[in-house]
Amino acid sequence: MHDAGLTASYLMRRVHPFRGDETILLHAAAGGVGLIVAQWAKLLGLTVIGTVSTEEKAEVARAHGVDHIIYYRREDTAQRVREITGGAGVPVVLDSIGAATVDASLNSLTKRGLLVCFGTSSGPIPPIDPMQLAIKGSLFVTRPGLADYIADPAERAELAGELFGHIAAGRISIEIGQRYPLADAARAHKELESGALTGSSILLP
């Protein structure tokens, strides 16, 4: 949970200066990071469009603040984003899925929008042609890693302090979706890749 929480912290507090009137697209909205981000986004006044794979996950995502649901395996994500935003698209996409969603993510952005690729649960992202970024609206793409946002002890403490402050005050709740014995780590990883998991996962000794 600590890694998921710190990831949510830097996504919400470091990669973009979010404004309360913005709408974001959040992939894997019912996952461990997704549920924390959704709640944090609501604290910032954002409208959240979340992608999920099942009705069960949609229910969980909505309960944690997701405003609009897209079933990314059976709907055209970019088309639905345009419908929801009146054709405008979103200024920021938070994408932890990777290969399966990167094209839809890019096509969901406004001009000069930002794609934040912070995970690759469906596989590595193929090379992105910079000219396509220009054609699609002078887009930005970043691939942040947690280690670079917590390398400075002071910044790590600040991010962790804000996260745990929200948790302690009850503004953000952490959902533990599944627990695995350490011996089942490989199975846990496969289930993560398959998109079967909801909330955070814990490995037990």
N, C-alpha and C. Protein backbone atom coordinates (compact mmCIF):
# COMPACT_ATOMS: atom_id res chain seq x y z
N MET A 1 0.82 -1.19 0.00
CA MET A 1 0.00 0.00 0.00
C MET A 1 0.86 1.25 0.00
N HIS A 2 2.01 1.18 0.68
CA HIS A 2 2.86 2.36 0.78
C HIS A 2 3.29 2.83 -0.60
N ASP A 3 3.74 1.88 -1.46
CA ASP A 3 4.13 2.25 -2.82
C ASP A 3 2.96 2.81 -3.61
N ALA A 4 1.79 2.16 -3.50
CA ALA A 4 0.60 2.65 -4.21
C ALA A 4 0.23 4.04 -3.72
N GLY A 5 0.30 4.25 -2.41
CA GLY A 5 -0.03 5.55 -1.86
C GLY A 5 0.94 6.63 -2.28
N LEU A 6 2.23 6.33 -2.27
CA LEU A 6 3.22 7.31 -2.69
C LEU A 6 3.13 7.59 -4.18
N THR A 7 2.80 6.55 -4.96
CA THR A 7 2.58 6.77 -6.40
C THR A 7 1.41 7.73 -6.60
N ALA A 8 0.31 7.48 -5.91
CA ALA A 8 -0.83 8.39 -6.00
C ALA A 8 -0.44 9.79 -5.57
N SER A 9 0.41 9.90 -4.55
CA SER A 9 0.84 11.21 -4.06
C SER A 9 1.57 12.00 -5.13
N TYR A 10 2.55 11.37 -5.78
CA TYR A 10 3.29 12.16 -6.78
C TYR A 10 2.44 12.42 -8.02
N LEU A 11 1.53 11.48 -8.36
CA LEU A 11 0.65 11.72 -9.50
C LEU A 11 -0.24 12.94 -9.26
N MET A 12 -0.75 13.07 -8.04
CA MET A 12 -1.67 14.16 -7.73
C MET A 12 -0.97 15.47 -7.40
N ARG A 13 0.28 15.38 -6.90
CA ARG A 13 0.93 16.59 -6.39
C ARG A 13 2.17 17.05 -7.15
N ARG A 14 2.64 16.25 -8.11
CA ARG A 14 3.89 16.61 -8.75
C ARG A 14 3.86 16.64 -10.29
N VAL A 15 3.06 15.82 -10.94
CA VAL A 15 3.21 15.72 -12.40
C VAL A 15 2.44 16.79 -13.18
N HIS A 16 1.47 17.44 -12.51
CA HIS A 16 0.65 18.45 -13.20
C HIS A 16 0.01 19.35 -12.16
N PRO A 17 -0.04 20.66 -12.42
CA PRO A 17 -0.70 21.57 -11.47
C PRO A 17 -2.22 21.54 -11.65
N PHE A 18 -2.86 20.54 -11.09
CA PHE A 18 -4.30 20.36 -11.31
C PHE A 18 -5.10 21.56 -10.83
N ARG A 19 -6.15 21.88 -11.61
CA ARG A 19 -7.12 22.91 -11.25
C ARG A 19 -8.47 22.23 -11.01
N GLY A 20 -9.27 22.80 -10.16
CA GLY A 20 -10.52 22.18 -9.79
C GLY A 20 -11.55 22.05 -10.89
N ASP A 21 -11.35 22.77 -12.00
CA ASP A 21 -12.34 22.68 -13.08
C ASP A 21 -11.94 21.67 -14.15
N GLU A 22 -10.89 20.90 -13.90
CA GLU A 22 -10.39 19.97 -14.91
C GLU A 22 -11.04 18.59 -14.80
N THR A 23 -11.06 17.90 -15.94
CA THR A 23 -11.51 16.51 -16.00
C THR A 23 -10.30 15.67 -16.39
N ILE A 24 -10.11 14.54 -15.72
CA ILE A 24 -9.00 13.65 -16.04
C ILE A 24 -9.53 12.28 -16.44
N LEU A 25 -8.72 11.56 -17.21
CA LEU A 25 -9.00 10.17 -17.54
C LEU A 25 -8.06 9.30 -16.71
N LEU A 26 -8.62 8.39 -15.95
CA LEU A 26 -7.87 7.51 -15.06
C LEU A 26 -8.10 6.07 -15.47
N HIS A 27 -7.08 5.43 -16.02
CA HIS A 27 -7.19 4.02 -16.38
C HIS A 27 -7.07 3.15 -15.13
N ALA A 28 -7.63 1.95 -15.20
CA ALA A 28 -7.59 1.00 -14.07
C ALA A 28 -8.09 1.68 -12.80
N ALA A 29 -9.25 2.32 -12.92
CA ALA A 29 -9.76 3.16 -11.83
C ALA A 29 -10.09 2.38 -10.57
N ALA A 30 -10.30 1.07 -10.69
CA ALA A 30 -10.62 0.25 -9.51
C ALA A 30 -9.40 -0.47 -8.95
N GLY A 31 -8.22 -0.16 -9.47
CA GLY A 31 -7.00 -0.78 -8.97
C GLY A 31 -6.51 -0.08 -7.71
N GLY A 32 -5.40 -0.58 -7.16
CA GLY A 32 -4.87 -0.04 -5.92
C GLY A 32 -4.54 1.44 -6.00
N VAL A 33 -3.77 1.83 -7.02
CA VAL A 33 -3.44 3.25 -7.21
C VAL A 33 -4.68 4.01 -7.65
N GLY A 34 -5.45 3.41 -8.54
CA GLY A 34 -6.62 4.09 -9.09
C GLY A 34 -7.61 4.56 -8.04
N LEU A 35 -7.90 3.70 -7.06
CA LEU A 35 -8.87 4.07 -6.03
C LEU A 35 -8.37 5.21 -5.15
N ILE A 36 -7.06 5.23 -4.90
CA ILE A 36 -6.49 6.33 -4.11
C ILE A 36 -6.52 7.62 -4.93
N VAL A 37 -6.11 7.53 -6.19
CA VAL A 37 -6.10 8.71 -7.07
C VAL A 37 -7.51 9.28 -7.22
N ALA A 38 -8.50 8.41 -7.40
CA ALA A 38 -9.87 8.87 -7.59
C ALA A 38 -10.33 9.69 -6.39
N GLN A 39 -10.05 9.19 -5.20
CA GLN A 39 -10.45 9.92 -3.99
C GLN A 39 -9.70 11.24 -3.86
N TRP A 40 -8.41 11.22 -4.16
CA TRP A 40 -7.58 12.43 -4.06
C TRP A 40 -8.04 13.46 -5.10
N ALA A 41 -8.37 12.97 -6.28
CA ALA A 41 -8.84 13.86 -7.34
C ALA A 41 -10.11 14.60 -6.92
N LYS A 42 -10.99 13.91 -6.21
CA LYS A 42 -12.21 14.57 -5.74
C LYS A 42 -11.89 15.64 -4.70
N LEU A 43 -10.86 15.39 -3.87
CA LEU A 43 -10.45 16.40 -2.89
C LEU A 43 -9.96 17.67 -3.59
N LEU A 44 -9.40 17.50 -4.80
CA LEU A 44 -8.91 18.63 -5.58
C LEU A 44 -10.00 19.25 -6.45
N GLY A 45 -11.20 18.67 -6.41
CA GLY A 45 -12.31 19.21 -7.19
C GLY A 45 -12.37 18.75 -8.64
N LEU A 46 -11.61 17.72 -8.98
CA LEU A 46 -11.57 17.26 -10.36
C LEU A 46 -12.76 16.36 -10.70
N THR A 47 -13.10 16.33 -11.97
CA THR A 47 -14.05 15.35 -12.50
C THR A 47 -13.24 14.18 -13.02
N VAL A 48 -13.63 12.96 -12.65
CA VAL A 48 -12.85 11.78 -12.98
C VAL A 48 -13.63 10.87 -13.92
N ILE A 49 -13.02 10.60 -15.08
CA ILE A 49 -13.50 9.56 -15.99
C ILE A 49 -12.61 8.35 -15.74
N GLY A 50 -13.19 7.23 -15.37
CA GLY A 50 -12.40 6.05 -15.05
C GLY A 50 -12.68 4.88 -15.96
N THR A 51 -11.63 4.18 -16.38
CA THR A 51 -11.84 2.97 -17.17
C THR A 51 -11.76 1.76 -16.25
N VAL A 52 -12.63 0.79 -16.52
CA VAL A 52 -12.67 -0.47 -15.78
C VAL A 52 -13.01 -1.58 -16.77
N SER A 53 -12.91 -2.83 -16.30
CA SER A 53 -13.20 -3.97 -17.18
C SER A 53 -14.53 -4.65 -16.87
N THR A 54 -15.09 -4.43 -15.69
CA THR A 54 -16.31 -5.14 -15.31
C THR A 54 -17.26 -4.22 -14.55
N GLU A 55 -18.54 -4.65 -14.49
CA GLU A 55 -19.54 -3.89 -13.72
C GLU A 55 -19.19 -3.85 -12.24
N GLU A 56 -18.62 -4.95 -11.72
CA GLU A 56 -18.23 -4.99 -10.32
C GLU A 56 -17.19 -3.91 -10.03
N LYS A 57 -16.21 -3.79 -10.92
CA LYS A 57 -15.18 -2.77 -10.73
C LYS A 57 -15.76 -1.37 -10.89
N ALA A 58 -16.74 -1.23 -11.78
CA ALA A 58 -17.38 0.08 -11.96
C ALA A 58 -18.04 0.53 -10.67
N GLU A 59 -18.70 -0.40 -9.99
CA GLU A 59 -19.37 -0.08 -8.73
C GLU A 59 -18.36 0.39 -7.68
N VAL A 60 -17.23 -0.31 -7.59
CA VAL A 60 -16.18 0.06 -6.64
C VAL A 60 -15.61 1.44 -6.99
N ALA A 61 -15.35 1.66 -8.28
CA ALA A 61 -14.78 2.93 -8.72
C ALA A 61 -15.73 4.09 -8.41
N ARG A 62 -17.01 3.91 -8.70
CA ARG A 62 -17.99 4.97 -8.41
C ARG A 62 -18.04 5.28 -6.92
N ALA A 63 -17.95 4.24 -6.10
CA ALA A 63 -18.01 4.43 -4.65
C ALA A 63 -16.82 5.23 -4.13
N HIS A 64 -15.75 5.31 -4.92
CA HIS A 64 -14.55 6.03 -4.51
C HIS A 64 -14.37 7.35 -5.26
N GLY A 65 -15.42 7.80 -5.95
CA GLY A 65 -15.38 9.14 -6.52
C GLY A 65 -15.32 9.26 -8.02
N VAL A 66 -15.28 8.13 -8.75
CA VAL A 66 -15.23 8.22 -10.21
C VAL A 66 -16.60 8.68 -10.72
N ASP A 67 -16.61 9.71 -11.56
CA ASP A 67 -17.85 10.32 -12.03
C ASP A 67 -18.43 9.63 -13.26
N HIS A 68 -17.56 9.22 -14.17
CA HIS A 68 -17.99 8.60 -15.43
C HIS A 68 -17.20 7.31 -15.64
N ILE A 69 -17.89 6.25 -16.04
CA ILE A 69 -17.25 4.95 -16.25
C ILE A 69 -17.15 4.64 -17.73
N ILE A 70 -16.00 4.13 -18.14
CA ILE A 70 -15.81 3.59 -19.49
C ILE A 70 -15.34 2.15 -19.35
N TYR A 71 -16.02 1.23 -20.03
CA TYR A 71 -15.59 -0.17 -20.05
C TYR A 71 -14.62 -0.34 -21.22
N TYR A 72 -13.33 -0.23 -20.89
CA TYR A 72 -12.34 -0.05 -21.95
C TYR A 72 -12.20 -1.26 -22.87
N ARG A 73 -12.64 -2.44 -22.43
CA ARG A 73 -12.50 -3.62 -23.29
C ARG A 73 -13.61 -3.72 -24.32
N ARG A 74 -14.71 -3.01 -24.11
CA ARG A 74 -15.82 -3.12 -25.06
C ARG A 74 -16.32 -1.77 -25.58
N GLU A 75 -15.74 -0.68 -25.10
CA GLU A 75 -16.11 0.64 -25.60
C GLU A 75 -14.89 1.32 -26.19
N ASP A 76 -15.13 2.27 -27.09
CA ASP A 76 -14.06 3.08 -27.67
C ASP A 76 -13.75 4.19 -26.66
N THR A 77 -12.64 4.02 -25.94
CA THR A 77 -12.34 4.94 -24.84
C THR A 77 -12.26 6.38 -25.31
N ALA A 78 -11.49 6.65 -26.36
CA ALA A 78 -11.32 8.03 -26.81
C ALA A 78 -12.65 8.64 -27.27
N GLN A 79 -13.46 7.85 -27.95
CA GLN A 79 -14.76 8.35 -28.40
C GLN A 79 -15.65 8.69 -27.21
N ARG A 80 -15.65 7.83 -26.20
CA ARG A 80 -16.46 8.08 -25.01
C ARG A 80 -15.95 9.31 -24.25
N VAL A 81 -14.63 9.48 -24.19
CA VAL A 81 -14.07 10.66 -23.53
C VAL A 81 -14.55 11.93 -24.24
N ARG A 82 -14.53 11.90 -25.56
CA ARG A 82 -14.99 13.07 -26.33
C ARG A 82 -16.47 13.34 -26.08
N GLU A 83 -17.27 12.26 -25.99
CA GLU A 83 -18.70 12.44 -25.72
C GLU A 83 -18.92 13.06 -24.35
N ILE A 84 -18.20 12.57 -23.36
CA ILE A 84 -18.36 13.05 -21.98
C ILE A 84 -17.91 14.49 -21.84
N THR A 85 -16.88 14.88 -22.58
CA THR A 85 -16.30 16.23 -22.45
C THR A 85 -16.79 17.20 -23.53
N GLY A 86 -17.84 16.84 -24.24
CA GLY A 86 -18.36 17.73 -25.27
C GLY A 86 -17.40 17.96 -26.41
N GLY A 87 -16.58 16.94 -26.69
CA GLY A 87 -15.63 17.01 -27.80
C GLY A 87 -14.26 17.53 -27.44
N ALA A 88 -14.12 18.05 -26.23
CA ALA A 88 -12.86 18.73 -25.87
C ALA A 88 -11.72 17.77 -25.58
N GLY A 89 -12.00 16.61 -25.00
CA GLY A 89 -10.94 15.75 -24.50
C GLY A 89 -10.52 16.19 -23.10
N VAL A 90 -9.53 15.53 -22.55
CA VAL A 90 -9.07 15.82 -21.20
C VAL A 90 -7.64 16.36 -21.22
N PRO A 91 -7.27 17.20 -20.25
CA PRO A 91 -5.90 17.73 -20.23
C PRO A 91 -4.87 16.74 -19.72
N VAL A 92 -5.32 15.73 -18.94
CA VAL A 92 -4.38 14.76 -18.37
C VAL A 92 -4.99 13.36 -18.41
N VAL A 93 -4.18 12.39 -18.84
CA VAL A 93 -4.54 10.98 -18.76
C VAL A 93 -3.52 10.29 -17.86
N LEU A 94 -4.00 9.54 -16.88
CA LEU A 94 -3.14 8.75 -15.99
C LEU A 94 -3.29 7.29 -16.39
N ASP A 95 -2.24 6.72 -16.98
CA ASP A 95 -2.33 5.41 -17.62
C ASP A 95 -1.33 4.44 -17.02
N SER A 96 -1.83 3.44 -16.31
CA SER A 96 -0.97 2.40 -15.74
C SER A 96 -1.06 1.09 -16.51
N ILE A 97 -1.81 1.08 -17.60
CA ILE A 97 -2.04 -0.17 -18.35
C ILE A 97 -0.99 -0.36 -19.43
N GLY A 98 -0.69 0.69 -20.19
CA GLY A 98 0.41 0.61 -21.15
C GLY A 98 0.01 0.26 -22.56
N ALA A 99 0.53 -0.85 -23.06
CA ALA A 99 0.41 -1.20 -24.47
C ALA A 99 -1.03 -1.19 -24.96
N ALA A 100 -1.95 -1.71 -24.16
CA ALA A 100 -3.34 -1.87 -24.61
C ALA A 100 -4.11 -0.55 -24.65
N THR A 101 -3.62 0.47 -23.99
CA THR A 101 -4.40 1.71 -23.86
C THR A 101 -3.71 2.96 -24.37
N VAL A 102 -2.44 2.88 -24.73
CA VAL A 102 -1.69 4.11 -25.03
C VAL A 102 -2.29 4.89 -26.20
N ASP A 103 -2.75 4.21 -27.24
CA ASP A 103 -3.33 4.94 -28.37
C ASP A 103 -4.61 5.66 -27.96
N ALA A 104 -5.47 4.97 -27.21
CA ALA A 104 -6.70 5.60 -26.75
C ALA A 104 -6.39 6.77 -25.82
N SER A 105 -5.34 6.62 -25.02
CA SER A 105 -4.95 7.70 -24.12
C SER A 105 -4.54 8.94 -24.89
N LEU A 106 -3.69 8.76 -25.88
CA LEU A 106 -3.25 9.90 -26.69
C LEU A 106 -4.43 10.55 -27.41
N ASN A 107 -5.36 9.73 -27.88
CA ASN A 107 -6.51 10.25 -28.63
C ASN A 107 -7.57 10.87 -27.73
N SER A 108 -7.40 10.76 -26.42
CA SER A 108 -8.35 11.34 -25.47
C SER A 108 -7.93 12.72 -24.99
N LEU A 109 -6.74 13.16 -25.37
CA LEU A 109 -6.18 14.39 -24.82
C LEU A 109 -6.60 15.65 -25.59
N THR A 110 -6.69 16.75 -24.86
CA THR A 110 -6.85 18.06 -25.47
C THR A 110 -5.53 18.48 -26.12
N LYS A 111 -5.55 19.56 -26.85
CA LYS A 111 -4.30 20.14 -27.36
C LYS A 111 -3.39 20.46 -26.17
N ARG A 112 -2.12 20.13 -26.32
CA ARG A 112 -1.10 20.36 -25.30
C ARG A 112 -1.39 19.57 -24.02
N GLY A 113 -2.14 18.47 -24.18
CA GLY A 113 -2.45 17.62 -23.04
C GLY A 113 -1.27 16.75 -22.65
N LEU A 114 -1.38 16.15 -21.46
CA LEU A 114 -0.29 15.37 -20.88
C LEU A 114 -0.72 13.92 -20.65
N LEU A 115 0.02 12.99 -21.23
CA LEU A 115 -0.16 11.56 -20.96
C LEU A 115 0.90 11.13 -19.95
N VAL A 116 0.43 10.63 -18.81
CA VAL A 116 1.32 10.15 -17.76
C VAL A 116 1.28 8.63 -17.77
N CYS A 117 2.33 8.01 -18.28
CA CYS A 117 2.43 6.55 -18.35
C CYS A 117 3.20 6.08 -17.11
N PHE A 118 2.47 5.58 -16.10
CA PHE A 118 3.17 5.22 -14.87
C PHE A 118 3.13 3.72 -14.59
N GLY A 119 2.73 2.94 -15.59
CA GLY A 119 2.72 1.49 -15.44
C GLY A 119 2.47 0.81 -16.77
N THR A 120 2.76 -0.47 -16.82
CA THR A 120 2.62 -1.22 -18.08
C THR A 120 2.05 -2.61 -17.81
N SER A 121 0.91 -2.67 -17.12
CA SER A 121 0.36 -3.97 -16.74
C SER A 121 -0.03 -4.83 -17.94
N SER A 122 -0.30 -4.20 -19.11
CA SER A 122 -0.66 -4.96 -20.31
C SER A 122 0.54 -5.19 -21.22
N GLY A 123 1.71 -4.71 -20.82
CA GLY A 123 2.90 -4.85 -21.65
C GLY A 123 3.53 -3.51 -21.93
N PRO A 124 4.79 -3.52 -22.41
CA PRO A 124 5.50 -2.27 -22.64
C PRO A 124 4.86 -1.41 -23.72
N ILE A 125 5.00 -0.11 -23.55
CA ILE A 125 4.46 0.84 -24.52
C ILE A 125 5.36 0.85 -25.76
N PRO A 126 4.77 0.71 -26.95
CA PRO A 126 5.60 0.77 -28.16
C PRO A 126 6.17 2.17 -28.36
N PRO A 127 7.21 2.28 -29.19
CA PRO A 127 7.80 3.60 -29.44
C PRO A 127 6.75 4.61 -29.91
N ILE A 128 6.87 5.84 -29.43
CA ILE A 128 5.94 6.91 -29.80
C ILE A 128 6.65 7.85 -30.75
N ASP A 129 6.04 8.11 -31.90
CA ASP A 129 6.60 9.00 -32.92
C ASP A 129 6.35 10.45 -32.50
N PRO A 130 7.39 11.22 -32.26
CA PRO A 130 7.19 12.61 -31.84
C PRO A 130 6.33 13.42 -32.81
N MET A 131 6.40 13.12 -34.11
CA MET A 131 5.58 13.86 -35.07
C MET A 131 4.09 13.62 -34.82
N GLN A 132 3.75 12.40 -34.36
CA GLN A 132 2.35 12.13 -34.03
C GLN A 132 1.88 12.97 -32.85
N LEU A 133 2.79 13.25 -31.93
CA LEU A 133 2.43 14.11 -30.81
C LEU A 133 2.07 15.51 -31.31
N ALA A 134 2.81 15.98 -32.31
CA ALA A 134 2.50 17.28 -32.89
C ALA A 134 1.17 17.26 -33.63
N ILE A 135 0.97 16.21 -34.42
CA ILE A 135 -0.26 16.09 -35.22
C ILE A 135 -1.50 16.02 -34.33
N LYS A 136 -1.36 15.32 -33.20
CA LYS A 136 -2.51 15.13 -32.30
C LYS A 136 -2.75 16.33 -31.37
N GLY A 137 -1.93 17.37 -31.50
CA GLY A 137 -2.19 18.57 -30.70
C GLY A 137 -1.07 19.01 -29.80
N SER A 138 0.18 18.82 -30.23
CA SER A 138 1.34 19.23 -29.43
C SER A 138 1.28 18.62 -28.03
N LEU A 139 1.16 17.30 -28.00
CA LEU A 139 0.97 16.58 -26.75
C LEU A 139 2.28 16.36 -26.00
N PHE A 140 2.19 16.15 -24.69
CA PHE A 140 3.31 15.80 -23.85
C PHE A 140 3.12 14.36 -23.34
N VAL A 141 4.23 13.64 -23.22
CA VAL A 141 4.20 12.29 -22.65
C VAL A 141 5.31 12.19 -21.62
N THR A 142 5.00 11.63 -20.46
CA THR A 142 6.03 11.40 -19.45
C THR A 142 5.90 9.99 -18.92
N ARG A 143 7.05 9.42 -18.54
CA ARG A 143 7.07 8.08 -17.94
C ARG A 143 7.78 8.19 -16.59
N PRO A 144 7.04 8.63 -15.55
CA PRO A 144 7.67 8.81 -14.25
C PRO A 144 7.91 7.49 -13.54
N GLY A 145 8.87 7.49 -12.65
CA GLY A 145 9.13 6.34 -11.79
C GLY A 145 9.13 6.81 -10.35
N LEU A 146 8.56 6.02 -9.47
CA LEU A 146 8.43 6.40 -8.06
C LEU A 146 9.77 6.80 -7.45
N ALA A 147 10.82 6.04 -7.78
CA ALA A 147 12.12 6.29 -7.15
C ALA A 147 12.60 7.73 -7.34
N ASP A 148 12.28 8.33 -8.49
CA ASP A 148 12.75 9.68 -8.76
C ASP A 148 11.95 10.74 -8.00
N TYR A 149 10.78 10.36 -7.50
CA TYR A 149 9.95 11.32 -6.76
C TYR A 149 10.14 11.20 -5.25
N ILE A 150 10.83 10.14 -4.81
CA ILE A 150 11.06 9.98 -3.37
C ILE A 150 12.55 9.91 -3.05
N ALA A 151 13.40 10.20 -4.04
CA ALA A 151 14.85 10.14 -3.81
C ALA A 151 15.29 11.17 -2.78
N ASP A 152 14.67 12.33 -2.78
CA ASP A 152 14.99 13.37 -1.80
C ASP A 152 14.18 13.09 -0.53
N PRO A 153 14.86 12.86 0.60
CA PRO A 153 14.14 12.51 1.84
C PRO A 153 13.09 13.54 2.24
N ALA A 154 13.36 14.80 2.00
CA ALA A 154 12.40 15.85 2.37
C ALA A 154 11.14 15.76 1.52
N GLU A 155 11.34 15.51 0.23
CA GLU A 155 10.17 15.40 -0.65
C GLU A 155 9.37 14.14 -0.33
N ARG A 156 10.08 13.05 -0.07
CA ARG A 156 9.40 11.80 0.32
C ARG A 156 8.56 12.04 1.58
N ALA A 157 9.14 12.71 2.56
CA ALA A 157 8.41 12.97 3.80
C ALA A 157 7.19 13.85 3.55
N GLU A 158 7.33 14.82 2.65
CA GLU A 158 6.21 15.70 2.34
C GLU A 158 5.08 14.94 1.66
N LEU A 159 5.43 14.12 0.67
CA LEU A 159 4.42 13.33 -0.03
C LEU A 159 3.75 12.33 0.91
N ALA A 160 4.56 11.64 1.72
CA ALA A 160 4.00 10.66 2.66
C ALA A 160 3.15 11.34 3.71
N GLY A 161 3.60 12.51 4.17
CA GLY A 161 2.84 13.23 5.18
C GLY A 161 1.47 13.65 4.69
N GLU A 162 1.41 14.12 3.45
CA GLU A 162 0.11 14.52 2.90
C GLU A 162 -0.79 13.31 2.73
N LEU A 163 -0.22 12.21 2.21
CA LEU A 163 -0.99 10.98 2.03
C LEU A 163 -1.57 10.50 3.36
N PHE A 164 -0.70 10.33 4.35
CA PHE A 164 -1.16 9.78 5.62
C PHE A 164 -2.04 10.75 6.39
N GLY A 165 -1.89 12.04 6.11
CA GLY A 165 -2.80 13.02 6.68
C GLY A 165 -4.22 12.81 6.17
N HIS A 166 -4.35 12.57 4.86
CA HIS A 166 -5.68 12.30 4.28
C HIS A 166 -6.26 11.00 4.84
N ILE A 167 -5.40 9.98 4.98
CA ILE A 167 -5.88 8.69 5.49
C ILE A 167 -6.34 8.83 6.94
N ALA A 168 -5.52 9.48 7.75
CA ALA A 168 -5.85 9.64 9.17
C ALA A 168 -7.13 10.43 9.37
N ALA A 169 -7.37 11.41 8.50
CA ALA A 169 -8.57 12.24 8.62
C ALA A 169 -9.80 11.59 8.00
N GLY A 170 -9.61 10.42 7.36
CA GLY A 170 -10.74 9.73 6.75
C GLY A 170 -11.14 10.26 5.39
N ARG A 171 -10.30 11.14 4.82
CA ARG A 171 -10.61 11.68 3.49
C ARG A 171 -10.29 10.69 2.38
N ILE A 172 -9.31 9.81 2.64
CA ILE A 172 -8.94 8.76 1.69
C ILE A 172 -8.93 7.44 2.43
N SER A 173 -9.60 6.44 1.87
CA SER A 173 -9.57 5.10 2.46
C SER A 173 -8.78 4.17 1.55
N ILE A 174 -8.10 3.22 2.14
CA ILE A 174 -7.30 2.26 1.39
C ILE A 174 -8.04 0.93 1.35
N GLU A 175 -8.35 0.48 0.15
CA GLU A 175 -9.09 -0.77 -0.02
C GLU A 175 -8.10 -1.91 -0.29
N ILE A 176 -8.09 -2.91 0.59
CA ILE A 176 -7.28 -4.11 0.37
C ILE A 176 -8.17 -5.13 -0.33
N GLY A 177 -7.92 -5.33 -1.61
CA GLY A 177 -8.77 -6.22 -2.39
C GLY A 177 -8.43 -7.69 -2.24
N GLN A 178 -7.14 -7.99 -2.05
CA GLN A 178 -6.73 -9.39 -1.96
C GLN A 178 -5.41 -9.50 -1.21
N ARG A 179 -5.24 -10.66 -0.58
CA ARG A 179 -4.03 -10.97 0.17
C ARG A 179 -3.46 -12.27 -0.37
N TYR A 180 -2.15 -12.30 -0.58
CA TYR A 180 -1.48 -13.50 -1.10
C TYR A 180 -0.36 -13.92 -0.17
N PRO A 181 -0.18 -15.24 0.02
CA PRO A 181 1.06 -15.69 0.67
C PRO A 181 2.23 -15.33 -0.24
N LEU A 182 3.37 -15.03 0.35
CA LEU A 182 4.55 -14.66 -0.42
C LEU A 182 4.88 -15.71 -1.48
N ALA A 183 4.60 -16.97 -1.17
CA ALA A 183 4.89 -18.05 -2.12
C ALA A 183 4.05 -17.93 -3.39
N ASP A 184 2.94 -17.18 -3.31
CA ASP A 184 2.06 -17.02 -4.48
C ASP A 184 2.31 -15.71 -5.22
N ALA A 185 3.49 -15.14 -5.05
CA ALA A 185 3.78 -13.85 -5.68
C ALA A 185 3.65 -13.91 -7.20
N ALA A 186 4.07 -15.02 -7.80
CA ALA A 186 3.97 -15.15 -9.26
C ALA A 186 2.51 -15.13 -9.70
N ARG A 187 1.65 -15.83 -8.95
CA ARG A 187 0.22 -15.83 -9.28
C ARG A 187 -0.37 -14.43 -9.13
N ALA A 188 0.05 -13.73 -8.09
CA ALA A 188 -0.44 -12.37 -7.87
C ALA A 188 -0.07 -11.47 -9.05
N HIS A 189 1.16 -11.63 -9.54
CA HIS A 189 1.61 -10.82 -10.67
C HIS A 189 0.80 -11.13 -11.92
N LYS A 190 0.53 -12.42 -12.17
CA LYS A 190 -0.27 -12.80 -13.34
C LYS A 190 -1.69 -12.25 -13.26
N GLU A 191 -2.26 -12.29 -12.07
CA GLU A 191 -3.62 -11.77 -11.91
C GLU A 191 -3.65 -10.26 -12.06
N LEU A 192 -2.59 -9.60 -11.63
CA LEU A 192 -2.48 -8.15 -11.85
C LEU A 192 -2.46 -7.85 -13.34
N GLU A 193 -1.65 -8.58 -14.09
CA GLU A 193 -1.54 -8.37 -15.54
C GLU A 193 -2.87 -8.63 -16.24
N SER A 194 -3.65 -9.58 -15.72
CA SER A 194 -4.89 -9.96 -16.37
C SER A 194 -6.00 -8.93 -16.13
N GLY A 195 -5.78 -8.02 -15.19
CA GLY A 195 -6.80 -7.04 -14.87
C GLY A 195 -7.87 -7.58 -13.94
N ALA A 196 -7.58 -8.68 -13.26
CA ALA A 196 -8.59 -9.33 -12.42
C ALA A 196 -8.71 -8.71 -11.03
N LEU A 197 -7.76 -7.89 -10.63
CA LEU A 197 -7.70 -7.44 -9.24
C LEU A 197 -8.42 -6.12 -9.03
N THR A 198 -8.92 -5.94 -7.81
CA THR A 198 -9.56 -4.71 -7.39
C THR A 198 -8.86 -4.22 -6.13
N GLY A 199 -8.63 -2.90 -6.05
CA GLY A 199 -7.98 -2.35 -4.86
C GLY A 199 -6.52 -2.77 -4.77
N SER A 200 -5.95 -2.61 -3.58
CA SER A 200 -4.54 -2.93 -3.35
C SER A 200 -4.38 -4.40 -2.99
N SER A 201 -3.19 -4.93 -3.26
CA SER A 201 -2.86 -6.32 -2.93
C SER A 201 -1.75 -6.34 -1.89
N ILE A 202 -1.82 -7.33 -1.00
CA ILE A 202 -0.80 -7.47 0.03
C ILE A 202 -0.19 -8.87 -0.05
N LEU A 203 1.14 -8.93 0.01
CA LEU A 203 1.85 -10.21 0.10
C LEU A 203 2.17 -10.47 1.55
N LEU A 204 1.76 -11.63 2.05
CA LEU A 204 1.96 -11.99 3.45
C LEU A 204 3.08 -13.01 3.58
N PRO A 205 3.89 -12.94 4.66
CA PRO A 205 4.97 -13.90 4.84
C PRO A 205 4.43 -15.29 5.13
